[in-house]
PDB file of N, CA and C in Angstrom:
ATOM      1  N   MET A   1      17.782  21.951  22.489  1.00  0.00           N
ATOM      2  CA  MET A   1      16.998  20.872  22.041  1.00  0.00           C
ATOM      3  C   MET A   1      16.085  20.397  20.680  1.00  0.00           C
ATOM      4  N   THR A   2      16.150  19.578  20.055  1.00  0.00           N
ATOM      5  CA  THR A   2      15.384  19.880  19.182  1.00  0.00           C
ATOM      6  C   THR A   2      13.839  19.580  18.856  1.00  0.00           C
ATOM      7  N   ASP A   3      13.385  19.370  18.371  1.00  0.00           N
ATOM      8  CA  ASP A   3      11.661  18.877  18.308  1.00  0.00           C
ATOM      9  C   ASP A   3      11.335  17.668  17.773  1.00  0.00           C
ATOM     10  N   ALA A   4      12.310  16.589  18.680  1.00  0.00           N
ATOM     11  CA  ALA A   4      11.884  15.272  18.797  1.00  0.00           C
ATOM     12  C   ALA A   4      10.553  15.167  18.657  1.00  0.00           C
ATOM     13  N   PRO A   5       9.556  13.815  17.946  1.00  0.00           N
ATOM     14  CA  PRO A   5       8.086  13.927  17.630  1.00  0.00           C
ATOM     15  C   PRO A   5       8.004  13.154  19.790  1.00  0.00           C
ATOM     16  N   GLN A   6       7.143  13.096  19.416  1.00  0.00           N
ATOM     17  CA  GLN A   6       6.386  12.606  21.660  1.00  0.00           C
ATOM     18  C   GLN A   6       6.105  11.077  21.589  1.00  0.00           C
ATOM     19  N   LEU A   7       6.519  10.916  22.099  1.00  0.00           N
ATOM     20  CA  LEU A   7       6.724   9.328  22.705  1.00  0.00           C
ATOM     21  C   LEU A   7       5.558   8.725  22.107  1.00  0.00           C
ATOM     22  N   GLU A   8       4.228   9.346  22.026  1.00  0.00           N
ATOM     23  CA  GLU A   8       2.943   8.764  21.414  1.00  0.00           C
ATOM     24  C   GLU A   8       3.336   8.375  20.047  1.00  0.00           C
ATOM     25  N   GLU A   9       3.188  10.214  19.703  1.00  0.00           N
ATOM     26  CA  GLU A   9       3.709   9.734  18.150  1.00  0.00           C
ATOM     27  C   GLU A   9       4.841   8.182  17.465  1.00  0.00           C
ATOM     28  N   GLN A  10       5.873   8.460  18.335  1.00  0.00           N
ATOM     29  CA  GLN A  10       6.768   6.937  17.737  1.00  0.00           C
ATOM     30  C   GLN A  10       6.164   5.917  18.326  1.00  0.00           C
ATOM     31  N   VAL A  11       5.376   5.763  18.889  1.00  0.00           N
ATOM     32  CA  VAL A  11       4.187   4.625  19.224  1.00  0.00           C
ATOM     33  C   VAL A  11       3.614   4.566  17.800  1.00  0.00           C
ATOM     34  N   LEU A  12       2.865   5.624  17.648  1.00  0.00           N
ATOM     35  CA  LEU A  12       1.745   5.216  16.645  1.00  0.00           C
ATOM     36  C   LEU A  12       2.330   5.113  15.034  1.00  0.00           C
ATOM     37  N   ALA A  13       3.896   5.447  14.671  1.00  0.00           N
ATOM     38  CA  ALA A  13       4.534   5.553  14.134  1.00  0.00           C
ATOM     39  C   ALA A  13       4.633   3.969  13.682  1.00  0.00           C
ATOM     40  N   ALA A  14       5.622   3.685  14.976  1.00  0.00           N
ATOM     41  CA  ALA A  14       5.603   2.048  15.447  1.00  0.00           C
ATOM     42  C   ALA A  14       4.351   1.143  14.629  1.00  0.00           C
ATOM     43  N   LEU A  15       3.509   0.982  15.556  1.00  0.00           N
ATOM     44  CA  LEU A  15       2.037   0.792  15.206  1.00  0.00           C
ATOM     45  C   LEU A  15       1.480   0.531  13.429  1.00  0.00           C
ATOM     46  N   GLU A  16       1.691   1.604  13.105  1.00  0.00           N
ATOM     47  CA  GLU A  16       1.176   1.425  11.632  1.00  0.00           C
ATOM     48  C   GLU A  16       2.108   0.573  10.987  1.00  0.00           C
ATOM     49  N   ARG A  17       3.090   1.051  10.995  1.00  0.00           N
ATOM     50  CA  ARG A  17       4.316  -0.049  11.075  1.00  0.00           C
ATOM     51  C   ARG A  17       4.417  -1.167  10.677  1.00  0.00           C
ATOM     52  N   ALA A  18       4.348  -1.674  11.934  1.00  0.00           N
ATOM     53  CA  ALA A  18       3.526  -3.082  12.143  1.00  0.00           C
ATOM     54  C   ALA A  18       2.130  -4.135  11.499  1.00  0.00           C
ATOM     55  N   LEU A  19       1.352  -3.234  11.526  1.00  0.00           N
ATOM     56  CA  LEU A  19       0.809  -3.024  10.406  1.00  0.00           C
ATOM     57  C   LEU A  19       1.006  -3.548   9.191  1.00  0.00           C
ATOM     58  N   ALA A  20       1.408  -2.428   8.733  1.00  0.00           N
ATOM     59  CA  ALA A  20       2.351  -2.924   7.610  1.00  0.00           C
ATOM     60  C   ALA A  20       2.424  -3.648   7.245  1.00  0.00           C
ATOM     61  N   GLU A  21       3.316  -4.301   7.645  1.00  0.00           N
ATOM     62  CA  GLU A  21       4.372  -5.901   8.018  1.00  0.00           C
ATOM     63  C   GLU A  21       3.953  -6.694   8.144  1.00  0.00           C
ATOM     64  N   GLY A  22       2.393  -6.791   8.731  1.00  0.00           N
ATOM     65  CA  GLY A  22       1.374  -7.827   8.830  1.00  0.00           C
ATOM     66  C   GLY A  22       2.098  -8.693  10.501  1.00  0.00           C
ATOM     67  N   GLN A  23       2.428  -7.667  11.526  1.00  0.00           N
ATOM     68  CA  GLN A  23       3.375  -7.913  12.131  1.00  0.00           C
ATOM     69  C   GLN A  23       1.779  -7.757  13.522  1.00  0.00           C
ATOM     70  N   LEU A  24       0.736  -8.258  13.857  1.00  0.00           N
ATOM     71  CA  LEU A  24      -0.513  -7.928  14.191  1.00  0.00           C
ATOM     72  C   LEU A  24      -0.194  -8.140  15.871  1.00  0.00           C
ATOM     73  N   GLU A  25       0.582  -9.491  16.149  1.00  0.00           N
ATOM     74  CA  GLU A  25       0.880  -8.986  17.955  1.00  0.00           C
ATOM     75  C   GLU A  25       1.799  -7.437  18.401  1.00  0.00           C
ATOM     76  N   ALA A  26       2.258  -7.880  17.582  1.00  0.00           N
ATOM     77  CA  ALA A  26       3.809  -6.218  17.858  1.00  0.00           C
ATOM     78  C   ALA A  26       2.772  -5.173  17.784  1.00  0.00           C
ATOM     79  N   ALA A  27       1.575  -4.974  16.984  1.00  0.00           N
ATOM     80  CA  ALA A  27       0.586  -4.198  16.842  1.00  0.00           C
ATOM     81  C   ALA A  27      -0.135  -3.589  18.144  1.00  0.00           C
ATOM     82  N   GLU A  28      -0.831  -5.382  18.775  1.00  0.00           N
ATOM     83  CA  GLU A  28      -1.414  -4.410  19.682  1.00  0.00           C
ATOM     84  C   GLU A  28      -0.776  -4.413  20.591  1.00  0.00           C
ATOM     85  N   HIS A  29       0.336  -4.741  20.839  1.00  0.00           N
ATOM     86  CA  HIS A  29       1.571  -4.026  22.149  1.00  0.00           C
ATOM     87  C   HIS A  29       1.297  -2.962  22.175  1.00  0.00           C
ATOM     88  N   LEU A  30       1.247  -2.111  20.647  1.00  0.00           N
ATOM     89  CA  LEU A  30       1.388  -0.911  20.471  1.00  0.00           C
ATOM     90  C   LEU A  30       0.596  -0.275  20.889  1.00  0.00           C
ATOM     91  N   LEU A  31      -1.005  -1.162  20.244  1.00  0.00           N
ATOM     92  CA  LEU A  31      -1.839   0.026  20.519  1.00  0.00           C
ATOM     93  C   LEU A  31      -1.876  -0.151  22.364  1.00  0.00           C
ATOM     94  N   ARG A  32      -1.871  -1.185  23.179  1.00  0.00           N
ATOM     95  CA  ARG A  32      -1.992  -1.513  24.779  1.00  0.00           C
ATOM     96  C   ARG A  32      -1.309   0.105  24.732  1.00  0.00           C
ATOM     97  N   ALA A  33      -0.029  -0.068  24.663  1.00  0.00           N
ATOM     98  CA  ALA A  33       0.985   0.561  24.998  1.00  0.00           C
ATOM     99  C   ALA A  33       0.504   2.600  24.580  1.00  0.00           C
ATOM    100  N   LEU A  34      -0.315   2.480  23.426  1.00  0.00           N
ATOM    101  CA  LEU A  34      -0.561   4.222  23.790  1.00  0.00           C
ATOM    102  C   LEU A  34      -1.827   4.238  24.122  1.00  0.00           C
ATOM    103  N   GLU A  35      -2.534   3.514  24.982  1.00  0.00           N
ATOM    104  CA  GLU A  35      -3.870   3.205  25.595  1.00  0.00           C
ATOM    105  C   GLU A  35      -3.005   3.834  26.939  1.00  0.00           C
ATOM    106  N   ALA A  36      -2.157   3.066  27.434  1.00  0.00           N
ATOM    107  CA  ALA A  36      -1.402   3.601  28.537  1.00  0.00           C
ATOM    108  C   ALA A  36      -1.036   4.946  28.186  1.00  0.00           C
ATOM    109  N   LEU A  37      -0.753   5.680  27.603  1.00  0.00           N
ATOM    110  CA  LEU A  37       0.002   6.656  27.644  1.00  0.00           C
ATOM    111  C   LEU A  37      -0.858   7.438  27.294  1.00  0.00           C
ATOM    112  N   CYS A  38      -2.278   7.368  26.600  1.00  0.00           N
ATOM    113  CA  CYS A  38      -3.199   8.732  26.090  1.00  0.00           C
ATOM    114  C   CYS A  38      -4.209   8.191  27.301  1.00  0.00           C
ATOM    115  N   GLY A  39      -5.034   9.487  27.601  1.00  0.00           N
ATOM    116  CA  GLY A  39      -6.209   9.700  28.635  1.00  0.00           C
ATOM    117  C   GLY A  39      -6.989   9.720  27.739  1.00  0.00           C
ATOM    118  N   ASP A  40      -7.501   9.644  26.411  1.00  0.00           N
ATOM    119  CA  ASP A  40      -8.411   9.466  25.946  1.00  0.00           C
ATOM    120  C   ASP A  40      -8.451   9.464  24.595  1.00  0.00           C
ATOM    121  N   ALA A  41      -9.125   9.732  23.608  1.00  0.00           N
ATOM    122  CA  ALA A  41      -9.645   9.107  22.089  1.00  0.00           C
ATOM    123  C   ALA A  41     -10.552   9.931  21.374  1.00  0.00           C
ATOM    124  N   LEU A  42     -10.200  11.588  22.268  1.00  0.00           N
ATOM    125  CA  LEU A  42     -10.482  12.511  21.084  1.00  0.00           C
ATOM    126  C   LEU A  42     -10.393  12.218  19.698  1.00  0.00           C
ATOM    127  N   PRO A  43     -11.469  12.650  18.392  1.00  0.00           N
ATOM    128  CA  PRO A  43     -11.363  12.863  17.818  1.00  0.00           C
ATOM    129  C   PRO A  43      -9.952  13.580  17.034  1.00  0.00           C
ATOM    130  N   GLY A  44      -9.149  13.297  16.561  1.00  0.00           N
ATOM    131  CA  GLY A  44      -7.780  13.873  16.228  1.00  0.00           C
ATOM    132  C   GLY A  44      -6.619  13.984  17.308  1.00  0.00           C
ATOM    133  N   SER A  45      -7.011  13.052  18.293  1.00  0.00           N
ATOM    134  CA  SER A  45      -6.662  12.775  18.994  1.00  0.00           C
ATOM    135  C   SER A  45      -4.884  10.754  18.621  1.00  0.00           C
ATOM    136  N   VAL A  46      -3.858  11.120  19.775  1.00  0.00           N
ATOM    137  CA  VAL A  46      -3.018   9.852  18.771  1.00  0.00           C
ATOM    138  C   VAL A  46      -3.617   8.771  18.648  1.00  0.00           C
ATOM    139  N   LEU A  47      -4.386   8.249  19.924  1.00  0.00           N
ATOM    140  CA  LEU A  47      -5.117   6.962  20.386  1.00  0.00           C
ATOM    141  C   LEU A  47      -5.737   6.989  19.100  1.00  0.00           C
ATOM    142  N   ALA A  48      -6.962   8.016  18.958  1.00  0.00           N
ATOM    143  CA  ALA A  48      -8.006   7.888  17.890  1.00  0.00           C
ATOM    144  C   ALA A  48      -7.413   7.463  16.646  1.00  0.00           C
ATOM    145  N   ASN A  49      -5.744   8.761  16.191  1.00  0.00           N
ATOM    146  CA  ASN A  49      -5.556   8.534  14.978  1.00  0.00           C
ATOM    147  C   ASN A  49      -4.863   6.368  15.184  1.00  0.00           C
ATOM    148  N   ALA A  50      -4.735   6.198  16.204  1.00  0.00           N
ATOM    149  CA  ALA A  50      -4.124   4.793  16.181  1.00  0.00           C
ATOM    150  C   ALA A  50      -5.433   3.896  15.701  1.00  0.00           C
ATOM    151  N   TYR A  51      -6.580   3.974  16.492  1.00  0.00           N
ATOM    152  CA  TYR A  51      -8.071   3.122  16.182  1.00  0.00           C
ATOM    153  C   TYR A  51      -8.201   3.248  14.777  1.00  0.00           C
ATOM    154  N   LEU A  52      -8.216   3.856  14.191  1.00  0.00           N
ATOM    155  CA  LEU A  52      -8.058   4.536  13.482  1.00  0.00           C
ATOM    156  C   LEU A  52      -7.506   3.829  12.172  1.00  0.00           C
ATOM    157  N   ALA A  53      -6.290   3.731  12.165  1.00  0.00           N
ATOM    158  CA  ALA A  53      -5.190   2.871  11.503  1.00  0.00           C
ATOM    159  C   ALA A  53      -5.287   1.464  11.629  1.00  0.00           C
ATOM    160  N   VAL A  54      -5.656   0.780  12.836  1.00  0.00           N
ATOM    161  CA  VAL A  54      -6.146  -0.376  13.192  1.00  0.00           C
ATOM    162  C   VAL A  54      -7.454  -0.652  12.578  1.00  0.00           C
ATOM    163  N   ALA A  55      -8.280  -0.195  12.090  1.00  0.00           N
ATOM    164  CA  ALA A  55      -9.824  -0.424  11.643  1.00  0.00           C
ATOM    165  C   ALA A  55      -9.208  -0.071  10.098  1.00  0.00           C
ATOM    166  N   ARG A  56      -8.458   0.938   9.268  1.00  0.00           N
ATOM    167  CA  ARG A  56      -8.216   0.616   8.130  1.00  0.00           C
ATOM    168  C   ARG A  56      -7.259  -0.334   7.841  1.00  0.00           C
ATOM    169  N   ASP A  57      -6.630  -0.897   8.835  1.00  0.00           N
ATOM    170  CA  ASP A  57      -5.450  -2.284   8.003  1.00  0.00           C
ATOM    171  C   ASP A  57      -6.535  -3.626   8.772  1.00  0.00           C
ATOM    172  N   LEU A  58      -7.674  -3.473   8.927  1.00  0.00           N
ATOM    173  CA  LEU A  58      -8.562  -4.888   9.333  1.00  0.00           C
ATOM    174  C   LEU A  58      -9.992  -4.859   8.332  1.00  0.00           C
ATOM    175  N   ALA A  59     -10.180  -3.761   8.165  1.00  0.00           N
ATOM    176  CA  ALA A  59     -11.602  -3.404   6.761  1.00  0.00           C
ATOM    177  C   ALA A  59     -10.464  -2.519   5.823  1.00  0.00           C
ATOM    178  N   PRO A  60      -9.692  -3.285   4.511  1.00  0.00           N
ATOM    179  CA  PRO A  60      -9.475  -2.387   3.922  1.00  0.00           C
ATOM    180  C   PRO A  60     -10.271  -0.951   2.665  1.00  0.00           C
ATOM    181  N   GLY A  61     -11.331  -2.199   2.526  1.00  0.00           N
ATOM    182  CA  GLY A  61     -12.370  -1.001   1.552  1.00  0.00           C
ATOM    183  C   GLY A  61     -12.393   0.022   2.452  1.00  0.00           C
ATOM    184  N   CYS A  62     -12.815   0.450   3.875  1.00  0.00           N
ATOM    185  CA  CYS A  62     -13.148   0.802   4.746  1.00  0.00           C
ATOM    186  C   CYS A  62     -12.728   2.199   4.808  1.00  0.00           C
ATOM    187  N   SER A  63     -14.398   3.578   4.506  1.00  0.00           N
ATOM    188  CA  SER A  63     -13.575   5.068   4.463  1.00  0.00           C
ATOM    189  C   SER A  63     -14.251   5.133   6.000  1.00  0.00           C
ATOM    190  N   CYS A  64     -12.593   4.981   6.745  1.00  0.00           N
ATOM    191  CA  CYS A  64     -12.718   4.722   8.173  1.00  0.00           C
ATOM    192  C   CYS A  64     -12.299   6.554   8.797  1.00  0.00           C
ATOM    193  N   ASP A  65     -12.186   7.071   8.163  1.00  0.00           N
ATOM    194  CA  ASP A  65     -11.703   8.845   8.346  1.00  0.00           C
ATOM    195  C   ASP A  65     -13.114   9.790   8.718  1.00  0.00           C
TER     196      ASP A  65
END
């Protein structure tokens, strides 16, 4: 068995790509998928990282880290 990325990590990567490509409707669906998969948005969690990615995309000059 390989060390394949977790589903949440793959969805996060797809979300980041959708944001980079300006596919905001797809990004919204991917964010909702992460909200369904993840239990919480604690700092450092996949869901928290997703929210940060969206914030960075919507406010490019923001230091959202």
